[in-house]
């Protein structure tokens, strides 16, 4: 019997690449996103497996609860939840940042992840099996200018994953957190409000990670033997590493 993966933020980037790879390997899918047209295109593309699509904004607690309650019997037993929906908005220092952007990041990256996890997890614990993979970021561990609220939301993802794993100890449910670094997708286009020139400049002269790189890592985590739990994976391109401490000097 084919396993079922529920992927949030499935219409682009990491989510879409994961949907394609899991489908290629015979998994049936529940794909969640906000763009109906893209969901339908993806469903047609992945027609070799059973795909159920749902237009859902993970920021809405009631919508998430209803989405899970309304899953058809064929897709109701979720084996894998990939909490991929998330975003960064802006790169301004905290004293200039837009509070609306901060709230949107908190609502999506933190609350959306909590809502989806809480809706799916009880059935996994009851069955004694299941896997939750959360999409974090190196920004949750390593600060950089302008990451303020975004980095803080991803730090939440890391600690929530750790605590979640402690809570499900002995249940057979697995929890993992993957933390990508520089990766080229729609991430920077969204961060810069659709400014493609600014987004392209982020990757200029680099060889960044790709959505396929992340999808392959997620799939590897998901297909380990049942007794193996990959707690956390931090992944960067070779061109990226840590910098020295910043020291301001009076001139």
Protein backbone atom coordinates (compact mmCIF):
# COMPACT_ATOMS: atom_id res chain seq x y z
CA UNK A 1 0.00 0.00 0.00
CA UNK A 2 1.40 3.38 -1.02
CA UNK A 3 2.38 5.81 1.70
CA UNK A 4 0.83 9.26 1.89
CA UNK A 5 2.74 12.52 2.29
CA UNK A 6 1.09 15.83 3.12
CA UNK A 7 3.15 18.75 1.83
CA UNK A 8 2.37 22.37 2.66
CA UNK A 9 3.59 25.15 0.41
CA UNK A 10 3.54 22.65 -2.43
CA UNK A 11 3.13 24.99 -5.38
CA UNK A 12 6.74 26.15 -5.74
CA UNK A 13 10.32 25.76 -4.59
CA UNK A 14 11.14 23.07 -2.03
CA UNK A 15 7.53 21.92 -1.72
CA UNK A 16 7.03 21.36 -5.44
CA UNK A 17 10.38 19.58 -5.80
CA UNK A 18 9.49 17.31 -2.86
CA UNK A 19 6.08 16.53 -4.37
CA UNK A 20 7.72 15.56 -7.65
CA UNK A 21 10.34 13.32 -6.01
CA UNK A 22 7.92 11.57 -3.66
CA UNK A 23 5.49 10.98 -6.54
CA UNK A 24 8.33 9.60 -8.66
CA UNK A 25 8.89 7.05 -5.92
CA UNK A 26 5.25 6.01 -5.68
CA UNK A 27 3.98 8.04 -2.74
CA UNK A 28 0.41 9.33 -2.84
CA UNK A 29 0.11 12.99 -1.96
CA UNK A 30 -1.95 15.63 -0.22
CA UNK A 31 -0.75 18.95 -1.61
CA UNK A 32 -1.62 22.15 0.20
CA UNK A 33 -1.13 25.66 -1.13
CA UNK A 34 -2.84 28.97 -1.72
CA UNK A 35 -2.75 28.99 -5.54
CA UNK A 36 -5.48 26.81 -7.03
CA UNK A 37 -4.16 27.00 -10.60
CA UNK A 38 -0.69 25.82 -9.63
CA UNK A 39 -2.12 23.00 -7.52
CA UNK A 40 -4.18 21.77 -10.46
CA UNK A 41 -1.18 21.94 -12.80
CA UNK A 42 0.88 19.93 -10.32
CA UNK A 43 -1.89 17.36 -9.92
CA UNK A 44 -1.95 16.83 -13.70
CA UNK A 45 1.84 16.58 -13.79
CA UNK A 46 1.85 13.90 -11.07
CA UNK A 47 -1.07 11.91 -12.45
CA UNK A 48 0.71 8.54 -11.99
CA UNK A 49 -0.04 8.68 -8.25
CA UNK A 50 -3.16 9.61 -6.29
CA UNK A 51 -2.98 13.33 -5.58
CA UNK A 52 -5.45 15.24 -3.44
CA UNK A 53 -5.09 19.03 -3.57
CA UNK A 54 -6.41 21.54 -1.07
CA UNK A 55 -6.39 25.32 -1.28
CA UNK A 56 -5.57 26.28 2.29
CA UNK A 57 -3.85 29.16 4.03
CA UNK A 58 -1.93 27.58 6.93
CA UNK A 59 -2.24 30.87 8.82
CA UNK A 60 -5.92 30.11 9.42
CA UNK A 61 -6.39 27.76 12.35
CA UNK A 62 -9.95 26.91 11.34
CA UNK A 63 -9.04 26.29 7.70
CA UNK A 64 -6.27 23.87 8.69
CA UNK A 65 -8.55 22.01 11.09
CA UNK A 66 -11.27 21.75 8.43
CA UNK A 67 -8.80 20.65 5.77
CA UNK A 68 -7.66 17.66 7.83
CA UNK A 69 -11.22 16.78 8.85
CA UNK A 70 -12.35 16.81 5.21
CA UNK A 71 -9.61 14.58 3.80
CA UNK A 72 -11.11 11.70 1.80
CA UNK A 73 -10.65 8.21 3.23
CA UNK A 74 -8.10 7.47 0.52
CA UNK A 75 -5.81 10.19 1.85
CA UNK A 76 -6.77 10.44 5.52
CA UNK A 77 -3.93 8.34 6.95
CA UNK A 78 -0.95 10.68 6.72
CA UNK A 79 2.40 8.90 6.93
CA UNK A 80 4.51 12.03 6.45
CA UNK A 81 3.79 15.67 7.15
CA UNK A 82 6.24 18.07 5.52
CA UNK A 83 5.75 21.48 7.11
CA UNK A 84 7.27 23.40 4.23
CA UNK A 85 5.06 26.50 3.99
CA UNK A 86 7.02 29.56 5.04
CA UNK A 87 8.53 32.80 3.84
CA UNK A 88 10.85 35.71 4.52
CA UNK A 89 9.75 39.29 3.93
CA UNK A 90 12.17 42.18 3.68
CA UNK A 91 15.79 42.58 4.69
CA UNK A 92 15.61 45.86 6.56
CA UNK A 93 17.23 46.31 9.97
CA UNK A 94 14.83 45.91 12.89
CA UNK A 95 14.44 49.65 13.46
CA UNK A 96 13.21 50.10 9.88
CA UNK A 97 11.34 46.82 9.41
CA UNK A 98 7.66 46.63 8.53
CA UNK A 99 5.63 45.23 11.43
CA UNK A 100 3.12 43.76 8.99
CA UNK A 101 5.95 41.72 7.47
CA UNK A 102 6.99 40.52 10.91
CA UNK A 103 3.43 39.45 11.72
CA UNK A 104 3.05 37.63 8.40
CA UNK A 105 6.26 35.67 9.05
CA UNK A 106 5.16 34.76 12.57
CA UNK A 107 1.69 33.75 11.38
CA UNK A 108 3.06 31.58 8.57
CA UNK A 109 6.36 30.18 9.84
CA UNK A 110 5.28 29.63 13.44
CA UNK A 111 1.51 29.51 13.76
CA UNK A 112 0.92 27.71 10.47
CA UNK A 113 3.41 25.03 11.42
CA UNK A 114 1.78 24.64 14.84
CA UNK A 115 -1.74 24.43 13.43
CA UNK A 116 -0.83 21.78 10.87
CA UNK A 117 1.22 19.73 13.32
CA UNK A 118 -1.52 19.77 15.95
CA UNK A 119 -4.11 18.70 13.38
CA UNK A 120 -2.12 15.76 12.02
CA UNK A 121 -0.14 14.49 15.01
CA UNK A 122 -2.85 12.84 17.15
CA UNK A 123 -3.66 10.25 14.47
CA UNK A 124 0.05 9.45 14.05
CA UNK A 125 0.47 8.90 17.79
CA UNK A 126 -2.66 6.74 17.88
CA UNK A 127 -1.34 4.54 15.04
CA UNK A 128 2.14 4.42 16.56
CA UNK A 129 3.82 5.60 13.38
CA UNK A 130 4.32 8.67 11.24
CA UNK A 131 6.92 11.30 10.50
CA UNK A 132 6.92 15.08 10.74
CA UNK A 133 9.64 16.93 8.86
CA UNK A 134 9.85 20.66 9.52
CA UNK A 135 11.52 23.08 7.13
CA UNK A 136 13.80 25.29 9.18
CA UNK A 137 16.73 27.40 8.01
CA UNK A 138 20.33 28.14 8.86
CA UNK A 139 18.91 31.55 9.83
CA UNK A 140 17.50 29.87 12.91
CA UNK A 141 21.00 29.12 14.14
CA UNK A 142 23.19 31.81 12.57
CA UNK A 143 22.24 35.52 12.61
CA UNK A 144 22.75 37.89 9.72
CA UNK A 145 21.76 41.54 9.21
CA UNK A 146 18.11 41.90 8.26
CA UNK A 147 17.08 38.41 9.32
CA UNK A 148 15.61 39.69 12.61
CA UNK A 149 12.06 38.25 12.75
CA UNK A 150 12.65 35.65 10.02
CA UNK A 151 15.61 34.12 11.84
CA UNK A 152 13.65 34.15 15.08
CA UNK A 153 10.77 32.23 13.48
CA UNK A 154 13.19 29.59 12.22
CA UNK A 155 14.80 29.34 15.66
CA UNK A 156 11.30 28.50 16.86
CA UNK A 157 11.06 25.75 14.24
CA UNK A 158 14.28 24.18 15.53
CA UNK A 159 13.27 24.24 19.20
CA UNK A 160 9.68 23.20 18.47
CA UNK A 161 11.03 20.20 16.55
CA UNK A 162 13.28 19.24 19.45
CA UNK A 163 10.48 19.54 22.00
CA UNK A 164 8.03 17.74 19.73
CA UNK A 165 10.43 14.83 19.49
CA UNK A 166 10.63 14.71 23.29
CA UNK A 167 6.83 14.70 23.52
CA UNK A 168 6.37 11.76 21.12
CA UNK A 169 9.12 9.68 22.74
CA UNK A 170 8.02 6.05 22.78
CA UNK A 171 5.16 6.58 20.32
CA UNK A 172 6.98 5.46 17.17
CA UNK A 173 6.48 8.88 15.58
CA UNK A 174 9.58 10.51 14.11
CA UNK A 175 10.40 14.23 14.00
CA UNK A 176 13.10 15.89 11.89
CA UNK A 177 14.21 19.43 11.14
CA UNK A 178 16.03 20.35 7.94
CA UNK A 179 17.86 23.68 7.81
CA UNK A 180 18.83 24.84 4.29
CA UNK A 181 21.24 27.65 3.60
CA UNK A 182 21.54 29.65 0.39
CA UNK A 183 19.08 28.10 -2.06
CA UNK A 184 17.71 29.53 -5.28
CA UNK A 185 13.94 29.33 -5.59
CA UNK A 186 11.11 31.87 -5.33
CA UNK A 187 12.30 32.61 -1.78
CA UNK A 188 14.15 35.84 -2.61
CA UNK A 189 11.50 36.99 -5.10
CA UNK A 190 8.96 36.80 -2.28
CA UNK A 191 11.36 38.43 0.20
CA UNK A 192 11.82 41.41 -2.12
CA UNK A 193 8.14 41.76 -3.04
CA UNK A 194 8.55 40.47 -6.59
CA UNK A 195 11.70 42.46 -7.44
CA UNK A 196 13.43 39.94 -9.70
CA UNK A 197 16.55 42.09 -10.06
CA UNK A 198 17.13 42.16 -6.30
CA UNK A 199 16.41 38.45 -6.06
CA UNK A 200 18.88 37.59 -8.83
CA UNK A 201 21.58 39.66 -7.12
CA UNK A 202 21.42 37.38 -4.07
CA UNK A 203 22.71 34.45 -6.13
CA UNK A 204 25.04 36.31 -8.49
CA UNK A 205 28.43 34.60 -8.74
CA UNK A 206 27.36 31.67 -6.56
CA UNK A 207 26.38 28.05 -6.99
CA UNK A 208 23.48 27.85 -4.54
CA UNK A 209 21.46 24.87 -3.42
CA UNK A 210 18.49 23.96 -5.60
CA UNK A 211 15.00 22.78 -4.66
CA UNK A 212 16.03 19.35 -5.97
CA UNK A 213 18.95 19.24 -3.52
CA UNK A 214 16.57 19.87 -0.64
CA UNK A 215 13.97 17.41 -1.94
CA UNK A 216 16.58 14.65 -2.12
CA UNK A 217 17.61 15.37 1.46
CA UNK A 218 14.00 15.33 2.65
CA UNK A 219 13.37 12.05 0.84
CA UNK A 220 16.49 10.49 2.37
CA UNK A 221 15.31 11.50 5.85
CA UNK A 222 11.83 10.13 5.18
CA UNK A 223 13.03 6.76 3.90
CA UNK A 224 15.35 5.76 6.70
CA UNK A 225 14.42 2.55 8.56
CA UNK A 226 11.62 2.98 11.10
CA UNK A 227 14.04 2.77 14.04
CA UNK A 228 16.20 5.64 12.71
CA UNK A 229 15.34 9.28 13.47
CA UNK A 230 17.32 12.02 11.74
CA UNK A 231 16.96 14.83 14.27
CA UNK A 232 18.43 17.73 12.35
CA UNK A 233 20.21 18.36 9.06
CA UNK A 234 21.93 21.66 8.30
CA UNK A 235 22.82 21.96 4.62
CA UNK A 236 24.67 24.74 2.82
CA UNK A 237 26.21 25.09 -0.63
CA UNK A 238 30.02 24.89 -0.70
CA UNK A 239 30.14 28.61 -1.51
CA UNK A 240 28.51 29.50 1.80
CA UNK A 241 29.96 29.34 5.30
CA UNK A 242 30.13 31.37 8.52
CA UNK A 243 31.77 34.76 8.74
CA UNK A 244 33.90 36.39 11.41
CA UNK A 245 32.32 38.33 14.25
CA UNK A 246 31.45 41.88 13.24
CA UNK A 247 33.36 44.53 15.18
CA UNK A 248 32.49 48.20 14.88
CA UNK A 249 35.47 50.49 15.24
CA UNK A 250 35.33 54.24 15.84
CA UNK A 251 37.26 55.96 13.07
